Amino acid sequence: SSATLTPRYFFLFSDSLVWTVESEFSGSPVNYRGHIPIEQKTILRDSIDFVRVQKLGEEAKSVLRMGFEISGKATVLLFAETPEQKMVWLTNTVNTIKELSQATQ
């Protein structure tokens, strides 16, 4: 984990979230960096809850407002570029968890 924000590319599949970084080589547009399984017990947490209890400057709060956490076998903190993008990610992840839950019943 680094102190700077590094742009990553995320891909949400029916059973996992995969993250990559831009490739430095011409053979592939991205390099795999990790994944987290999406399961029935996967938890989403909006970082706005964290913002409310912390004594942070407004700039830090505005960045954190775009964040959310996905927790399961690992935890990933994601930051969207816009509130709309954040809502799309939250909605799609919740729907994926629901579909997975229905498929296992």
N, C-alpha and C. Protein backbone atom coordinates (compact mmCIF):
# COMPACT_ATOMS: atom_id res chain seq x y z
N SER A 1 0.85 -1.18 0.00
CA SER A 1 0.00 0.00 0.00
C SER A 1 0.88 1.23 0.00
N SER A 2 0.56 2.14 -0.86
CA SER A 2 1.38 3.31 -1.04
C SER A 2 0.67 4.54 -0.51
N ALA A 3 1.43 5.61 -0.27
CA ALA A 3 0.85 6.83 0.28
C ALA A 3 0.14 7.66 -0.79
N THR A 4 0.40 7.37 -2.05
CA THR A 4 -0.24 8.12 -3.12
C THR A 4 -1.37 7.32 -3.73
N LEU A 5 -2.32 8.04 -4.31
CA LEU A 5 -3.42 7.37 -5.01
C LEU A 5 -2.92 6.97 -6.39
N THR A 6 -3.04 5.69 -6.70
CA THR A 6 -2.62 5.17 -7.99
C THR A 6 -3.85 4.77 -8.77
N PRO A 7 -4.01 5.29 -9.98
CA PRO A 7 -5.18 4.88 -10.78
C PRO A 7 -5.15 3.38 -11.06
N ARG A 8 -6.27 2.76 -10.84
CA ARG A 8 -6.43 1.34 -11.10
C ARG A 8 -7.69 1.14 -11.93
N TYR A 9 -7.75 0.03 -12.61
CA TYR A 9 -8.92 -0.32 -13.41
C TYR A 9 -9.57 -1.52 -12.75
N PHE A 10 -10.87 -1.42 -12.51
CA PHE A 10 -11.61 -2.47 -11.82
C PHE A 10 -12.61 -3.11 -12.76
N PHE A 11 -12.75 -4.43 -12.60
CA PHE A 11 -13.68 -5.20 -13.42
C PHE A 11 -14.53 -6.03 -12.47
N LEU A 12 -15.84 -5.81 -12.50
CA LEU A 12 -16.76 -6.54 -11.64
C LEU A 12 -17.36 -7.69 -12.44
N PHE A 13 -17.07 -8.91 -12.00
CA PHE A 13 -17.63 -10.11 -12.62
C PHE A 13 -18.71 -10.67 -11.71
N SER A 14 -19.34 -11.74 -12.10
CA SER A 14 -20.44 -12.30 -11.33
C SER A 14 -19.98 -12.87 -9.99
N ASP A 15 -18.70 -13.14 -9.82
CA ASP A 15 -18.23 -13.72 -8.57
C ASP A 15 -16.94 -13.11 -8.03
N SER A 16 -16.44 -12.04 -8.66
CA SER A 16 -15.22 -11.42 -8.15
C SER A 16 -15.04 -10.01 -8.70
N LEU A 17 -14.25 -9.25 -7.96
CA LEU A 17 -13.83 -7.92 -8.37
C LEU A 17 -12.33 -8.01 -8.64
N VAL A 18 -11.92 -7.67 -9.85
CA VAL A 18 -10.51 -7.76 -10.26
C VAL A 18 -9.98 -6.36 -10.44
N TRP A 19 -8.76 -6.12 -9.96
CA TRP A 19 -8.16 -4.80 -10.21
C TRP A 19 -6.84 -4.94 -10.93
N THR A 20 -6.58 -3.94 -11.77
CA THR A 20 -5.40 -3.92 -12.61
C THR A 20 -4.81 -2.52 -12.60
N VAL A 21 -3.61 -2.40 -13.15
CA VAL A 21 -2.99 -1.09 -13.37
C VAL A 21 -2.61 -1.00 -14.84
N GLU A 22 -2.43 0.21 -15.29
CA GLU A 22 -2.03 0.41 -16.68
C GLU A 22 -0.67 -0.24 -16.91
N SER A 23 -0.56 -0.97 -18.01
CA SER A 23 0.67 -1.67 -18.33
C SER A 23 1.72 -0.71 -18.86
N GLU A 24 2.96 -0.99 -18.51
CA GLU A 24 4.08 -0.21 -19.04
C GLU A 24 4.58 -0.82 -20.34
N PHE A 25 4.05 -1.97 -20.72
CA PHE A 25 4.50 -2.67 -21.92
C PHE A 25 3.43 -2.61 -23.00
N SER A 26 3.82 -2.66 -24.22
CA SER A 26 2.87 -2.52 -25.33
C SER A 26 2.04 -3.78 -25.58
N GLY A 27 2.42 -4.92 -25.03
CA GLY A 27 1.72 -6.17 -25.29
C GLY A 27 0.37 -6.29 -24.63
N SER A 28 0.14 -5.57 -23.56
CA SER A 28 -1.12 -5.66 -22.82
C SER A 28 -1.50 -4.28 -22.31
N PRO A 29 -2.80 -3.92 -22.36
CA PRO A 29 -3.19 -2.59 -21.87
C PRO A 29 -3.17 -2.48 -20.34
N VAL A 30 -3.32 -3.61 -19.64
CA VAL A 30 -3.33 -3.59 -18.18
C VAL A 30 -2.59 -4.80 -17.62
N ASN A 31 -2.14 -4.66 -16.36
CA ASN A 31 -1.52 -5.77 -15.63
C ASN A 31 -2.38 -6.10 -14.42
N TYR A 32 -2.64 -7.39 -14.22
CA TYR A 32 -3.41 -7.88 -13.08
C TYR A 32 -2.68 -7.54 -11.78
N ARG A 33 -3.43 -7.03 -10.79
CA ARG A 33 -2.85 -6.72 -9.49
C ARG A 33 -3.52 -7.47 -8.34
N GLY A 34 -4.75 -7.92 -8.52
CA GLY A 34 -5.39 -8.66 -7.44
C GLY A 34 -6.88 -8.81 -7.68
N HIS A 35 -7.51 -9.55 -6.78
CA HIS A 35 -8.96 -9.72 -6.86
C HIS A 35 -9.51 -10.02 -5.47
N ILE A 36 -10.80 -9.83 -5.34
CA ILE A 36 -11.52 -10.18 -4.12
C ILE A 36 -12.77 -10.95 -4.56
N PRO A 37 -12.99 -12.13 -3.98
CA PRO A 37 -14.22 -12.86 -4.32
C PRO A 37 -15.45 -12.09 -3.84
N ILE A 38 -16.49 -12.10 -4.64
CA ILE A 38 -17.77 -11.52 -4.25
C ILE A 38 -18.65 -12.69 -3.80
N GLU A 39 -19.06 -12.64 -2.54
CA GLU A 39 -19.84 -13.73 -1.95
C GLU A 39 -21.07 -13.15 -1.26
N GLN A 40 -21.94 -14.03 -0.79
CA GLN A 40 -23.13 -13.58 -0.06
C GLN A 40 -22.75 -12.75 1.16
N LYS A 41 -21.63 -13.07 1.78
CA LYS A 41 -21.22 -12.37 3.00
C LYS A 41 -20.34 -11.14 2.72
N THR A 42 -20.18 -10.79 1.46
CA THR A 42 -19.42 -9.59 1.12
C THR A 42 -20.13 -8.35 1.67
N ILE A 43 -19.37 -7.45 2.26
CA ILE A 43 -19.93 -6.26 2.90
C ILE A 43 -19.49 -5.02 2.14
N LEU A 44 -20.44 -4.11 1.92
CA LEU A 44 -20.14 -2.80 1.35
C LEU A 44 -20.27 -1.78 2.46
N ARG A 45 -19.34 -0.85 2.53
CA ARG A 45 -19.42 0.21 3.53
C ARG A 45 -19.06 1.53 2.86
N ASP A 46 -19.94 2.48 2.99
CA ASP A 46 -19.73 3.80 2.41
C ASP A 46 -18.76 4.57 3.30
N SER A 47 -17.75 5.19 2.70
CA SER A 47 -16.77 5.93 3.50
C SER A 47 -17.34 7.19 4.12
N ILE A 48 -18.54 7.60 3.72
CA ILE A 48 -19.16 8.78 4.33
C ILE A 48 -19.35 8.56 5.83
N ASP A 49 -19.55 7.30 6.24
CA ASP A 49 -19.66 6.99 7.66
C ASP A 49 -18.36 7.31 8.38
N PHE A 50 -17.25 7.04 7.71
CA PHE A 50 -15.93 7.33 8.27
C PHE A 50 -15.71 8.84 8.35
N VAL A 51 -16.15 9.56 7.33
CA VAL A 51 -15.97 11.01 7.27
C VAL A 51 -16.69 11.69 8.43
N ARG A 52 -17.87 11.21 8.78
CA ARG A 52 -18.67 11.85 9.83
C ARG A 52 -17.99 11.84 11.19
N VAL A 53 -17.18 10.83 11.44
CA VAL A 53 -16.59 10.69 12.77
C VAL A 53 -15.15 11.19 12.86
N GLN A 54 -14.58 11.60 11.75
CA GLN A 54 -13.19 12.03 11.75
C GLN A 54 -13.07 13.54 11.72
N LYS A 55 -12.02 14.03 12.32
CA LYS A 55 -11.72 15.47 12.28
C LYS A 55 -10.74 15.68 11.13
N LEU A 56 -11.28 15.88 9.95
CA LEU A 56 -10.47 16.03 8.75
C LEU A 56 -10.74 17.38 8.11
N GLY A 57 -9.79 17.83 7.30
CA GLY A 57 -10.00 19.04 6.53
C GLY A 57 -11.01 18.79 5.42
N GLU A 58 -11.55 19.86 4.87
CA GLU A 58 -12.58 19.73 3.83
C GLU A 58 -12.06 19.01 2.58
N GLU A 59 -10.80 19.23 2.22
CA GLU A 59 -10.26 18.56 1.03
C GLU A 59 -10.22 17.05 1.24
N ALA A 60 -9.77 16.62 2.41
CA ALA A 60 -9.74 15.18 2.71
C ALA A 60 -11.14 14.61 2.73
N LYS A 61 -12.08 15.35 3.30
CA LYS A 61 -13.46 14.88 3.36
C LYS A 61 -14.05 14.73 1.96
N SER A 62 -13.73 15.67 1.06
CA SER A 62 -14.30 15.59 -0.29
C SER A 62 -13.77 14.36 -1.03
N VAL A 63 -12.52 14.00 -0.79
CA VAL A 63 -11.97 12.79 -1.40
C VAL A 63 -12.63 11.55 -0.79
N LEU A 64 -12.74 11.52 0.53
CA LEU A 64 -13.32 10.36 1.20
C LEU A 64 -14.79 10.16 0.84
N ARG A 65 -15.49 11.23 0.54
CA ARG A 65 -16.91 11.11 0.16
C ARG A 65 -17.08 10.27 -1.11
N MET A 66 -16.06 10.19 -1.93
CA MET A 66 -16.12 9.41 -3.16
C MET A 66 -15.71 7.96 -2.92
N GLY A 67 -15.39 7.62 -1.68
CA GLY A 67 -14.89 6.30 -1.38
C GLY A 67 -15.94 5.34 -0.85
N PHE A 68 -15.64 4.06 -1.02
CA PHE A 68 -16.42 2.99 -0.41
C PHE A 68 -15.54 1.77 -0.27
N GLU A 69 -15.94 0.90 0.63
CA GLU A 69 -15.13 -0.27 0.97
C GLU A 69 -15.89 -1.53 0.61
N ILE A 70 -15.18 -2.50 0.04
CA ILE A 70 -15.74 -3.83 -0.21
C ILE A 70 -14.92 -4.79 0.64
N SER A 71 -15.60 -5.51 1.53
CA SER A 71 -14.93 -6.44 2.43
C SER A 71 -15.48 -7.84 2.29
N GLY A 72 -14.59 -8.78 2.27
CA GLY A 72 -14.93 -10.20 2.22
C GLY A 72 -13.71 -10.94 2.73
N LYS A 73 -13.11 -11.75 1.87
CA LYS A 73 -11.87 -12.43 2.25
C LYS A 73 -10.71 -11.45 2.30
N ALA A 74 -10.89 -10.29 1.72
CA ALA A 74 -9.94 -9.18 1.77
C ALA A 74 -10.77 -7.90 1.79
N THR A 75 -10.12 -6.79 1.99
CA THR A 75 -10.81 -5.50 1.99
C THR A 75 -10.15 -4.58 0.98
N VAL A 76 -10.99 -3.91 0.19
CA VAL A 76 -10.51 -2.98 -0.82
C VAL A 76 -11.25 -1.66 -0.62
N LEU A 77 -10.50 -0.56 -0.56
CA LEU A 77 -11.09 0.77 -0.47
C LEU A 77 -10.99 1.41 -1.85
N LEU A 78 -12.13 1.76 -2.41
CA LEU A 78 -12.20 2.31 -3.76
C LEU A 78 -12.64 3.77 -3.71
N PHE A 79 -12.16 4.55 -4.68
CA PHE A 79 -12.55 5.94 -4.81
C PHE A 79 -13.03 6.19 -6.23
N ALA A 80 -14.26 6.66 -6.35
CA ALA A 80 -14.81 7.01 -7.66
C ALA A 80 -14.43 8.45 -7.98
N GLU A 81 -14.52 8.80 -9.25
CA GLU A 81 -14.20 10.17 -9.65
C GLU A 81 -15.38 11.11 -9.46
N THR A 82 -16.61 10.57 -9.49
CA THR A 82 -17.80 11.40 -9.36
C THR A 82 -18.82 10.69 -8.45
N PRO A 83 -19.76 11.43 -7.88
CA PRO A 83 -20.82 10.78 -7.08
C PRO A 83 -21.64 9.80 -7.92
N GLU A 84 -21.86 10.13 -9.19
CA GLU A 84 -22.63 9.25 -10.07
C GLU A 84 -21.89 7.93 -10.30
N GLN A 85 -20.60 8.03 -10.53
CA GLN A 85 -19.79 6.83 -10.74
C GLN A 85 -19.79 5.96 -9.48
N LYS A 86 -19.70 6.59 -8.33
CA LYS A 86 -19.74 5.86 -7.06
C LYS A 86 -21.07 5.11 -6.93
N MET A 87 -22.18 5.79 -7.24
CA MET A 87 -23.49 5.17 -7.12
C MET A 87 -23.61 3.97 -8.07
N VAL A 88 -23.09 4.09 -9.27
CA VAL A 88 -23.14 2.97 -10.22
C VAL A 88 -22.37 1.77 -9.66
N TRP A 89 -21.19 2.01 -9.12
CA TRP A 89 -20.40 0.91 -8.55
C TRP A 89 -21.12 0.27 -7.36
N LEU A 90 -21.65 1.09 -6.47
CA LEU A 90 -22.37 0.54 -5.31
C LEU A 90 -23.58 -0.27 -5.75
N THR A 91 -24.36 0.27 -6.68
CA THR A 91 -25.56 -0.42 -7.16
C THR A 91 -25.19 -1.73 -7.84
N ASN A 92 -24.21 -1.72 -8.71
CA ASN A 92 -23.82 -2.94 -9.42
C ASN A 92 -23.25 -3.99 -8.48
N THR A 93 -22.50 -3.56 -7.49
CA THR A 93 -21.94 -4.53 -6.54
C THR A 93 -23.04 -5.14 -5.68
N VAL A 94 -23.97 -4.32 -5.21
CA VAL A 94 -25.11 -4.84 -4.44
C VAL A 94 -25.91 -5.83 -5.28
N ASN A 95 -26.18 -5.49 -6.53
CA ASN A 95 -26.92 -6.39 -7.43
C ASN A 95 -26.18 -7.70 -7.66
N THR A 96 -24.87 -7.64 -7.78
CA THR A 96 -24.07 -8.86 -7.96
C THR A 96 -24.18 -9.76 -6.74
N ILE A 97 -24.12 -9.17 -5.54
CA ILE A 97 -24.25 -9.95 -4.30
C ILE A 97 -25.64 -10.57 -4.23
N LYS A 98 -26.68 -9.81 -4.57
CA LYS A 98 -28.04 -10.35 -4.56
C LYS A 98 -28.20 -11.50 -5.55
N GLU A 99 -27.69 -11.33 -6.76
CA GLU A 99 -27.79 -12.39 -7.77
C GLU A 99 -27.05 -13.65 -7.30
N LEU A 100 -25.90 -13.48 -6.70
CA LEU A 100 -25.13 -14.61 -6.18
C LEU A 100 -25.92 -15.32 -5.08
N SER A 101 -26.55 -14.54 -4.23
CA SER A 101 -27.35 -15.10 -3.15
C SER A 101 -28.53 -15.89 -3.68
N GLN A 102 -29.21 -15.36 -4.70
CA GLN A 102 -30.35 -16.05 -5.29
C GLN A 102 -29.92 -17.32 -6.02
N ALA A 103 -28.76 -17.31 -6.62
CA ALA A 103 -28.27 -18.47 -7.36
C ALA A 103 -27.89 -19.62 -6.44
N THR A 104 -27.54 -19.33 -5.19
CA THR A 104 -27.13 -20.38 -4.26
C THR A 104 -28.28 -20.89 -3.39
N GLN A 105 -29.47 -20.33 -3.57
CA GLN A 105 -30.62 -20.78 -2.76
C GLN A 105 -31.30 -21.97 -3.38
